[in-house]
Protein backbone atom coordinates (compact mmCIF):
# COMPACT_ATOMS: atom_id res chain seq x y z
CA MET A 1 4.32 -22.61 -6.98
CA VAL A 2 3.23 -20.25 -4.19
CA GLY A 3 4.09 -20.71 -0.51
CA GLU A 4 3.45 -18.81 2.70
CA CYS A 5 5.51 -18.44 5.86
CA ASP A 6 6.16 -16.14 8.80
CA VAL A 7 9.62 -14.61 9.25
CA ASP A 8 10.71 -13.67 12.78
CA VAL A 9 12.34 -10.25 12.40
CA GLY A 10 13.01 -9.63 16.10
CA ASP A 11 11.31 -7.85 19.01
CA GLY A 12 8.57 -10.45 18.91
CA LEU A 13 7.41 -9.32 15.46
CA HIS A 14 6.77 -11.69 12.57
CA LEU A 15 6.17 -10.66 8.98
CA HIS A 16 4.00 -12.85 6.80
CA VAL A 17 5.48 -13.54 3.37
CA VAL A 18 3.83 -15.06 0.30
CA SER A 19 6.56 -16.36 -2.02
CA SER A 20 6.71 -17.75 -5.52
CA VAL A 21 9.46 -19.65 -7.30
CA GLY A 22 11.55 -17.97 -9.99
CA ALA A 23 15.03 -16.85 -10.97
CA THR A 24 14.79 -13.10 -10.32
CA PRO A 25 13.74 -12.00 -6.79
CA VAL A 26 11.23 -9.17 -6.41
CA LEU A 27 10.47 -7.93 -2.89
CA THR A 28 6.95 -6.53 -3.09
CA LEU A 29 5.24 -4.13 -0.65
CA HIS A 30 1.58 -3.08 -0.53
CA GLY A 31 0.01 0.21 0.54
CA PHE A 32 -1.76 1.30 3.72
CA THR A 33 -4.85 -0.88 4.45
CA GLY A 34 -3.68 -3.50 1.92
CA SER A 35 -2.09 -6.93 2.24
CA SER A 36 -0.13 -9.44 0.20
CA GLU A 37 -3.36 -10.14 -1.72
CA THR A 38 -2.86 -6.77 -3.43
CA TRP A 39 -0.15 -8.24 -5.63
CA ALA A 40 -1.67 -11.63 -6.58
CA PRO A 41 -2.70 -10.40 -10.07
CA LEU A 42 0.76 -8.94 -10.72
CA ARG A 43 2.47 -12.13 -9.54
CA ASP A 44 0.35 -14.13 -11.96
CA ALA A 45 1.03 -11.67 -14.78
CA LEU A 46 4.80 -11.80 -14.26
CA GLY A 47 4.84 -15.60 -14.38
CA ASN A 48 7.54 -18.02 -13.33
CA GLY A 49 10.54 -15.92 -14.34
CA PHE A 50 10.33 -13.90 -11.13
CA ALA A 51 10.52 -15.02 -7.50
CA THR A 52 8.12 -12.65 -5.74
CA LEU A 53 8.46 -12.17 -1.98
CA VAL A 54 5.23 -10.40 -1.07
CA VAL A 55 5.28 -9.05 2.48
CA ASP A 56 2.36 -8.11 4.72
CA LEU A 57 3.60 -4.88 6.32
CA PRO A 58 3.50 -4.56 10.13
CA GLY A 59 -0.07 -4.22 11.35
CA HIS A 60 -1.48 -5.50 8.06
CA GLY A 61 -2.69 -8.84 6.77
CA ALA A 62 -1.28 -11.80 8.67
CA SER A 63 1.80 -9.98 10.02
CA GLY A 64 2.18 -8.98 13.65
CA ALA A 65 0.76 -5.73 15.04
CA PRO A 66 3.08 -4.40 17.76
CA ASP A 67 1.74 -2.20 20.56
CA ASN A 68 4.58 0.30 20.13
CA PRO A 69 4.01 2.68 17.17
CA GLY A 70 7.77 3.22 16.95
CA ARG A 71 8.16 -0.38 15.80
CA TYR A 72 6.35 0.54 12.57
CA ALA A 73 8.84 3.28 11.59
CA LEU A 74 10.24 2.87 8.09
CA GLY A 75 13.82 2.68 9.36
CA MET A 76 12.84 -0.29 11.52
CA LEU A 77 10.96 -1.82 8.62
CA ALA A 78 13.99 -1.48 6.34
CA ALA A 79 16.00 -3.60 8.77
CA ASP A 80 13.11 -6.09 8.95
CA LEU A 81 13.02 -6.40 5.17
CA ALA A 82 16.74 -7.15 5.11
CA ARG A 83 16.00 -10.01 7.52
CA VAL A 84 13.27 -11.25 5.20
CA LEU A 85 15.76 -11.39 2.32
CA ASP A 86 18.22 -13.19 4.61
CA ALA A 87 15.56 -15.77 5.50
CA PHE A 88 15.09 -16.58 1.82
CA GLY A 89 18.81 -16.54 1.03
CA VAL A 90 18.45 -13.51 -1.26
CA GLU A 91 21.39 -11.10 -1.43
CA ARG A 92 19.91 -8.54 -3.85
CA ALA A 93 16.38 -7.97 -5.10
CA THR A 94 14.29 -5.58 -7.06
CA VAL A 95 12.02 -3.81 -4.56
CA LEU A 96 8.53 -2.86 -5.70
CA GLY A 97 6.14 -0.81 -3.59
CA TYR A 98 2.90 1.14 -3.76
CA SER A 99 2.20 4.29 -1.71
CA LEU A 100 3.20 3.37 1.88
CA GLY A 101 5.02 0.35 0.44
CA ALA A 102 6.82 2.62 -2.02
CA ARG A 103 7.99 4.86 0.81
CA ALA A 104 9.22 1.73 2.60
CA ALA A 105 11.05 0.62 -0.56
CA LEU A 106 12.67 4.03 -0.82
CA ARG A 107 13.83 3.84 2.79
CA PHE A 108 15.20 0.34 2.19
CA ALA A 109 17.18 1.58 -0.83
CA LEU A 110 18.70 4.37 1.27
CA ASP A 111 19.58 2.13 4.21
CA HIS A 112 20.63 -1.00 2.29
CA PRO A 113 21.77 0.12 -1.18
CA ALA A 114 23.91 -2.97 -1.80
CA ARG A 115 20.81 -5.15 -1.53
CA VAL A 116 18.76 -3.31 -4.14
CA ALA A 117 19.10 -4.37 -7.77
CA ALA A 118 16.36 -2.01 -8.96
CA LEU A 119 13.30 -0.11 -7.70
CA VAL A 120 9.70 0.13 -8.87
CA LEU A 121 7.89 2.91 -7.00
CA GLU A 122 4.19 3.46 -7.63
CA SER A 123 2.59 6.67 -6.33
CA VAL A 124 5.54 7.45 -4.08
CA SER A 125 6.31 10.49 -1.97
CA PRO A 126 9.79 11.39 -0.72
CA GLY A 127 8.20 12.98 2.32
CA ILE A 128 6.69 16.27 3.42
CA VAL A 129 9.38 18.95 3.31
CA ASP A 130 7.53 21.81 5.03
CA PRO A 131 7.80 21.36 8.84
CA ALA A 132 4.42 22.97 9.54
CA GLU A 133 2.69 20.79 6.97
CA ARG A 134 4.41 17.70 8.36
CA THR A 135 3.31 18.60 11.92
CA ALA A 136 -0.27 19.12 10.75
CA ARG A 137 -0.25 15.78 8.92
CA ARG A 138 1.09 14.00 12.01
CA ALA A 139 -1.70 15.54 14.09
CA SER A 140 -4.42 14.59 11.62
CA ASP A 141 -3.05 11.03 11.39
CA ALA A 142 -3.13 10.80 15.20
CA VAL A 143 -6.80 11.83 15.23
CA LEU A 144 -7.57 9.26 12.54
CA ALA A 145 -5.65 6.55 14.41
CA ASP A 146 -7.63 7.25 17.59
CA ALA A 147 -10.86 7.02 15.59
CA ILE A 148 -9.87 3.66 14.12
CA GLU A 149 -9.33 2.20 17.59
CA ARG A 150 -12.47 3.82 18.96
CA GLU A 151 -14.90 3.11 16.13
CA GLY A 152 -13.41 0.04 14.45
CA VAL A 153 -12.11 -0.84 11.01
CA ALA A 154 -15.46 -0.94 9.19
CA ALA A 155 -16.30 2.66 10.09
CA PHE A 156 -12.80 3.74 9.09
CA VAL A 157 -12.96 1.93 5.74
CA ASP A 158 -16.28 3.67 4.99
CA LEU A 159 -14.51 6.99 5.55
CA TRP A 160 -11.28 5.99 3.77
CA GLU A 161 -13.10 4.97 0.61
CA GLN A 162 -14.58 8.48 0.36
CA TRP A 163 -11.22 10.27 0.36
CA PRO A 164 -10.66 12.36 -2.79
CA LEU A 165 -7.39 10.49 -3.39
CA PHE A 166 -9.42 7.36 -4.18
CA ALA A 167 -12.29 8.96 -6.12
CA THR A 168 -11.17 7.36 -9.38
CA GLN A 169 -11.59 3.91 -7.83
CA ALA A 170 -15.38 4.33 -8.03
CA ALA A 171 -15.05 3.37 -11.71
CA LEU A 172 -13.44 0.00 -10.92
CA PRO A 173 -15.39 -3.19 -11.68
CA GLN A 174 -17.63 -4.22 -8.80
CA ALA A 175 -15.67 -7.42 -8.15
CA THR A 176 -12.42 -5.43 -7.89
CA ARG A 177 -13.99 -2.93 -5.49
CA GLU A 178 -15.40 -5.73 -3.36
CA GLY A 179 -12.04 -7.49 -3.21
CA LEU A 180 -10.28 -4.27 -2.25
CA ARG A 181 -12.81 -3.57 0.49
CA ALA A 182 -12.43 -7.11 1.84
CA GLN A 183 -8.65 -6.60 2.07
CA ARG A 184 -9.15 -3.40 4.01
CA LEU A 185 -11.74 -4.89 6.37
CA ALA A 186 -9.48 -7.86 7.18
CA ASN A 187 -7.02 -5.58 8.99
CA ARG A 188 -7.02 -4.96 12.74
CA PRO A 189 -7.72 -1.63 14.44
CA ARG A 190 -4.48 -1.58 16.42
CA GLY A 191 -2.37 -2.46 13.39
CA LEU A 192 -3.81 0.26 11.16
CA ALA A 193 -3.77 2.85 13.95
CA ASN A 194 -0.16 2.21 14.89
CA SER A 195 0.92 2.10 11.26
CA LEU A 196 -0.45 5.64 10.91
CA ARG A 197 1.23 6.77 14.11
CA GLY A 198 4.60 5.18 13.40
CA ALA A 199 4.94 5.21 9.60
CA GLY A 200 2.54 7.90 8.43
CA ALA A 201 3.77 10.67 6.15
CA GLY A 202 3.83 13.08 9.08
CA ALA A 203 5.89 10.75 11.25
CA GLU A 204 8.76 10.34 8.78
CA ALA A 205 11.43 12.90 7.90
CA PRO A 206 11.60 13.78 4.19
CA VAL A 207 14.33 12.16 2.09
CA VAL A 208 14.33 14.59 -0.84
CA GLU A 209 17.94 15.62 -0.30
CA GLN A 210 19.06 11.98 -0.27
CA LEU A 211 17.47 11.03 -3.58
CA PRO A 212 20.62 11.76 -5.67
CA THR A 213 22.47 9.06 -3.72
CA ILE A 214 20.18 6.29 -5.01
CA GLY A 215 22.00 4.72 -7.94
CA ALA A 216 19.71 1.76 -8.59
CA PRO A 217 17.72 1.73 -11.84
CA THR A 218 14.30 3.05 -10.85
CA LEU A 219 10.88 2.97 -12.51
CA LEU A 220 8.49 5.59 -11.12
CA ILE A 221 4.80 5.05 -11.93
CA ALA A 222 1.99 7.55 -11.38
CA GLY A 223 -1.57 7.84 -12.64
CA ALA A 224 -2.32 10.81 -14.90
CA LEU A 225 -5.45 11.57 -12.84
CA ASP A 226 -3.37 11.90 -9.65
CA ALA A 227 -1.77 15.31 -10.25
CA LYS A 228 -0.03 15.50 -6.88
CA TYR A 229 1.84 12.25 -7.38
CA VAL A 230 2.65 12.99 -11.00
CA ALA A 231 4.38 16.16 -9.76
CA LEU A 232 6.21 14.21 -7.06
CA GLY A 233 7.24 11.66 -9.67
CA ARG A 234 8.71 14.39 -11.88
CA LEU A 235 10.63 15.80 -8.92
CA MET A 236 12.05 12.38 -8.12
CA GLU A 237 12.87 11.61 -11.76
CA ALA A 238 14.91 14.83 -11.88
CA SER A 239 16.67 14.01 -8.59
CA MET A 240 17.56 10.33 -9.04
CA PRO A 241 20.35 9.53 -11.51
CA GLN A 242 18.80 6.36 -12.96
CA ALA A 243 15.08 7.06 -12.59
CA ARG A 244 12.43 7.38 -15.26
CA LEU A 245 8.76 8.22 -14.79
CA SER A 246 5.85 6.54 -16.54
CA VAL A 247 2.56 8.43 -16.30
CA VAL A 248 -0.38 6.11 -16.99
CA GLU A 249 -3.49 7.55 -18.60
CA GLY A 250 -6.88 6.68 -17.16
CA ALA A 251 -5.54 5.96 -13.70
CA GLY A 252 -5.43 7.71 -10.35
CA HIS A 253 -3.45 6.79 -7.24
CA ALA A 254 -3.71 2.98 -7.59
CA VAL A 255 -2.44 2.36 -11.11
CA HIS A 256 -2.08 -1.37 -10.44
CA LEU A 257 -5.86 -1.54 -9.82
CA GLU A 258 -7.13 1.01 -12.31
CA GLN A 259 -4.95 0.00 -15.27
CA PRO A 260 -3.66 -3.46 -14.27
CA ALA A 261 -2.60 -4.62 -17.74
CA VAL A 262 -0.63 -1.44 -18.40
CA PHE A 263 0.93 -1.59 -14.96
CA ALA A 264 1.98 -5.24 -15.36
CA SER A 265 3.42 -4.53 -18.80
CA LEU A 266 5.47 -1.58 -17.52
CA VAL A 267 6.82 -3.61 -14.61
CA ALA A 268 7.61 -6.69 -16.70
CA GLU A 269 9.44 -4.66 -19.34
CA PHE A 270 11.45 -2.82 -16.70
CA LEU A 271 12.33 -6.00 -14.80
CA ASP A 272 13.48 -7.67 -18.01
CA LEU A 273 15.81 -4.73 -18.69
CA ALA A 274 17.03 -4.52 -15.09
CA ARG A 275 18.05 -8.15 -14.62
């Protein structure tokens, strides 16, 4: 059984949550431009043994889109996610995230370690270490955010889909590509722009030095065609005491889309071992 509700997390912000019934809670976080719809196939693949709490991140899907970019910061979001677990009476959960959602899951594990039973991090970065590179990324994200508000979501999605990071998605089935595009187009200009400004990779301090403090069992997933994130995965595997990396052949940045059966199998096997 699947239900939907809005959770008031304070400051006038609500987060939309799609929940399913099961014994083992899994807090699930999508990537930038996505929504809770991202994880519908995985929820179905996992079945009734897992209680998925699939959150629309701030500025995405049916969640609120605050005017203040600072409200989107991952530290603020970590506190919001704790309130989501409180609303569902969940003390500890496995936290699963992709890209932006994986960075949010990582921040949650650092800020609320007692509430994390395990982590699944797909295509995750622990942040940009070089200050000059981080400053440049923050500036480029600001330019992109301004363009989203000026030109609208459709023009931005046209540009976003051409980024080299997503080149491998051109091989996806047409129905999958159309569904992904529809998710992206359903977002609002202000929400996407402020998510970039407040939670973009350039806006967040790196957490590389904190990785050894994360004791939760962790599954890192990266696509073999995404060399940058494979390298980041290896760095994190070496830094986190209970982490292991799975590199999936025939996939780029979005393993859950490009190799969905392999992704679901990896997650299900890990969750069975972790609970």
